[in-house]
Amino acid sequence: MLRIRPGTAGDLAQVAVLEIGPDTAMWLGETGLAWHERALADPDQEHLVADDDGRLAGFALLAGLAGGGHAVELRRMAVDPARRGAGLGRLLLRAALARARDEHGARRVWLDVKAHNLRARALYESEGFTLTDTPAAEMVEADGTTSELVVMARPVR
């Protein structure tokens, strides 16, 4: 049975595996187990995982939790490629928004996304996120190319 819950150290190996596929890794910056271990140890960040009887189907990472401001960042989200298209990303996004509001006092959630990640942007827009900024600096990819980022945000109620 699928449930969304806070992530633990025991989840991180599966979380890192979700990111290594080419259709996921291309949208992310730094990845890997060590990156997630640092995030889990940071009180400013929190993993949420979609647990399907011990097998991870997806995860989200919230950041900006310790600052006391009322804006939380959705820093990262990924869904197992085999589970895409069934509404799991939407379920995970909604759970992350609710957690940001209910557990962390957020009034607003923001994220950045590569401008050409149309699938993610469509999901975010359908859930009420709007474009708030296009940073002047571009993200430098591992191969030396650059990608434009956009910042999106929405209030949480």
Protein backbone atom coordinates (compact mmCIF):
# COMPACT_ATOMS: atom_id res chain seq x y z
CA MET A 1 0.00 0.00 0.00
CA LEU A 2 1.35 3.41 -0.96
CA ARG A 3 1.97 5.97 1.76
CA ILE A 4 3.82 9.27 1.86
CA ARG A 5 6.09 9.61 4.88
CA PRO A 6 9.23 11.44 6.04
CA GLY A 7 12.38 9.89 4.61
CA THR A 8 15.02 8.15 6.72
CA ALA A 9 18.66 7.18 6.27
CA GLY A 10 17.45 3.72 5.27
CA ASP A 11 15.65 5.22 2.26
CA LEU A 12 18.57 7.13 0.78
CA ALA A 13 20.08 4.34 -1.34
CA GLN A 14 16.73 3.88 -3.11
CA VAL A 15 16.29 7.66 -3.41
CA ALA A 16 19.69 7.95 -5.09
CA VAL A 17 18.80 5.14 -7.53
CA LEU A 18 15.65 7.01 -8.60
CA GLU A 19 17.87 9.85 -9.81
CA ILE A 20 20.40 7.96 -11.95
CA GLY A 21 18.23 7.20 -14.97
CA PRO A 22 18.98 9.44 -17.95
CA ASP A 23 15.39 10.71 -18.08
CA THR A 24 15.74 11.93 -14.47
CA ALA A 25 19.43 12.83 -14.05
CA MET A 26 19.26 15.28 -16.95
CA TRP A 27 16.97 17.55 -14.94
CA LEU A 28 19.10 17.62 -11.79
CA GLY A 29 22.32 19.17 -10.63
CA GLU A 30 24.44 17.23 -8.17
CA THR A 31 23.01 13.84 -7.25
CA GLY A 32 24.07 10.73 -5.40
CA LEU A 33 23.98 9.12 -2.01
CA ALA A 34 26.41 11.58 -0.40
CA TRP A 35 24.30 14.53 -1.59
CA HIS A 36 21.19 13.02 0.02
CA GLU A 37 23.05 12.13 3.21
CA ARG A 38 24.06 15.78 3.57
CA ALA A 39 20.48 16.88 2.89
CA LEU A 40 19.05 14.45 5.45
CA ALA A 41 21.54 15.65 8.09
CA ASP A 42 20.60 19.28 7.45
CA PRO A 43 17.77 20.48 9.73
CA ASP A 44 16.83 22.96 7.00
CA GLN A 45 15.79 20.12 4.65
CA GLU A 46 13.41 17.17 4.72
CA HIS A 47 12.87 14.18 2.45
CA LEU A 48 9.37 12.85 1.84
CA VAL A 49 9.10 9.43 0.25
CA ALA A 50 6.32 7.59 -1.52
CA ASP A 51 6.69 4.14 0.06
CA ASP A 52 4.94 1.22 -1.63
CA ASP A 53 5.38 -1.60 0.89
CA GLY A 54 9.11 -0.94 1.31
CA ARG A 55 9.88 -0.04 -2.30
CA LEU A 56 10.30 3.66 -3.03
CA ALA A 57 8.07 4.92 -5.82
CA GLY A 58 9.18 8.54 -5.55
CA PHE A 59 10.46 11.27 -3.30
CA ALA A 60 10.37 15.01 -2.72
CA LEU A 61 12.84 17.22 -0.87
CA LEU A 62 11.74 20.36 0.95
CA ALA A 63 14.25 23.05 1.96
CA GLY A 64 14.21 26.37 3.77
CA LEU A 65 12.57 24.85 6.83
CA ALA A 66 14.78 26.32 9.57
CA GLY A 67 14.75 29.91 8.36
CA GLY A 68 11.48 30.90 9.99
CA GLY A 69 10.42 32.72 6.82
CA HIS A 70 7.16 31.44 5.45
CA ALA A 71 8.47 30.35 2.06
CA VAL A 72 9.61 26.76 1.60
CA GLU A 73 11.46 25.47 -1.45
CA LEU A 74 10.53 22.28 -3.23
CA ARG A 75 14.16 21.50 -3.96
CA ARG A 76 13.76 18.19 -5.73
CA MET A 77 11.12 15.67 -6.75
CA ALA A 78 11.40 12.42 -8.70
CA VAL A 79 9.12 9.50 -9.48
CA ASP A 80 10.18 5.99 -10.47
CA PRO A 81 9.99 5.90 -14.30
CA ALA A 82 7.92 2.70 -14.11
CA ARG A 83 5.30 4.56 -12.02
CA ARG A 84 4.99 7.71 -14.14
CA GLY A 85 1.71 8.65 -15.76
CA ALA A 86 -0.45 7.24 -12.97
CA GLY A 87 -0.80 10.41 -10.86
CA LEU A 88 1.96 9.64 -8.37
CA GLY A 89 3.84 12.87 -9.11
CA ARG A 90 0.69 14.89 -8.46
CA LEU A 91 0.02 12.96 -5.23
CA LEU A 92 3.60 13.50 -4.06
CA LEU A 93 3.50 17.21 -4.95
CA ARG A 94 0.25 17.70 -3.05
CA ALA A 95 1.67 15.84 -0.04
CA ALA A 96 4.79 18.03 -0.11
CA LEU A 97 2.65 21.20 -0.25
CA ALA A 98 0.51 20.00 2.67
CA ARG A 99 3.60 19.08 4.71
CA ALA A 100 5.18 22.48 4.01
CA ARG A 101 2.02 24.19 5.23
CA ASP A 102 1.03 21.94 8.14
CA GLU A 103 4.42 20.98 9.59
CA HIS A 104 6.59 23.93 8.60
CA GLY A 105 4.20 26.89 8.57
CA ALA A 106 4.76 27.73 4.93
CA ARG A 107 2.48 30.23 3.27
CA ARG A 108 4.24 29.88 -0.06
CA VAL A 109 6.20 27.14 -1.83
CA TRP A 110 8.64 27.92 -4.61
CA LEU A 111 10.85 25.89 -6.92
CA ASP A 112 13.18 26.27 -9.82
CA VAL A 113 12.92 24.10 -12.88
CA LYS A 114 14.74 23.96 -16.18
CA ALA A 115 12.78 25.98 -18.70
CA HIS A 116 12.65 23.10 -21.18
CA ASN A 117 11.35 20.55 -18.62
CA LEU A 118 7.85 20.84 -20.02
CA ARG A 119 6.43 17.75 -18.28
CA ALA A 120 7.36 19.07 -14.82
CA ARG A 121 6.27 22.60 -15.64
CA ALA A 122 2.87 21.33 -16.82
CA LEU A 123 2.37 19.50 -13.52
CA TYR A 124 3.39 22.53 -11.46
CA GLU A 125 1.18 24.88 -13.48
CA SER A 126 -1.80 22.53 -13.17
CA GLU A 127 -1.32 22.67 -9.38
CA GLY A 128 -1.35 26.48 -9.25
CA PHE A 129 2.33 27.37 -9.58
CA THR A 130 3.04 30.47 -11.64
CA LEU A 131 6.22 31.80 -13.16
CA THR A 132 7.76 34.40 -10.85
CA ASP A 133 11.27 34.86 -12.22
CA THR A 134 13.74 33.89 -14.89
CA PRO A 135 17.18 34.22 -13.29
CA ALA A 136 19.82 35.89 -15.44
CA ALA A 137 22.37 33.17 -14.63
CA GLU A 138 22.02 29.83 -16.35
CA MET A 139 22.76 26.42 -14.87
CA VAL A 140 25.98 24.89 -16.19
CA GLU A 141 25.48 21.23 -17.09
CA ALA A 142 28.05 18.45 -16.60
CA ASP A 143 28.86 18.55 -20.32
CA GLY A 144 29.54 22.31 -20.22
CA THR A 145 26.30 23.39 -21.90
CA THR A 146 23.89 25.68 -20.08
CA SER A 147 20.20 25.50 -19.26
CA GLU A 148 17.85 28.33 -18.44
CA LEU A 149 16.02 28.04 -15.13
CA VAL A 150 12.64 29.47 -14.24
CA VAL A 151 11.32 30.09 -10.75
CA MET A 152 7.72 29.18 -9.98
CA ALA A 153 5.73 29.68 -6.79
CA ARG A 154 2.29 29.28 -5.32
CA PRO A 155 0.59 30.08 -2.04
CA VAL A 156 -0.34 27.14 0.16
CA ARG A 157 -3.69 27.12 1.90
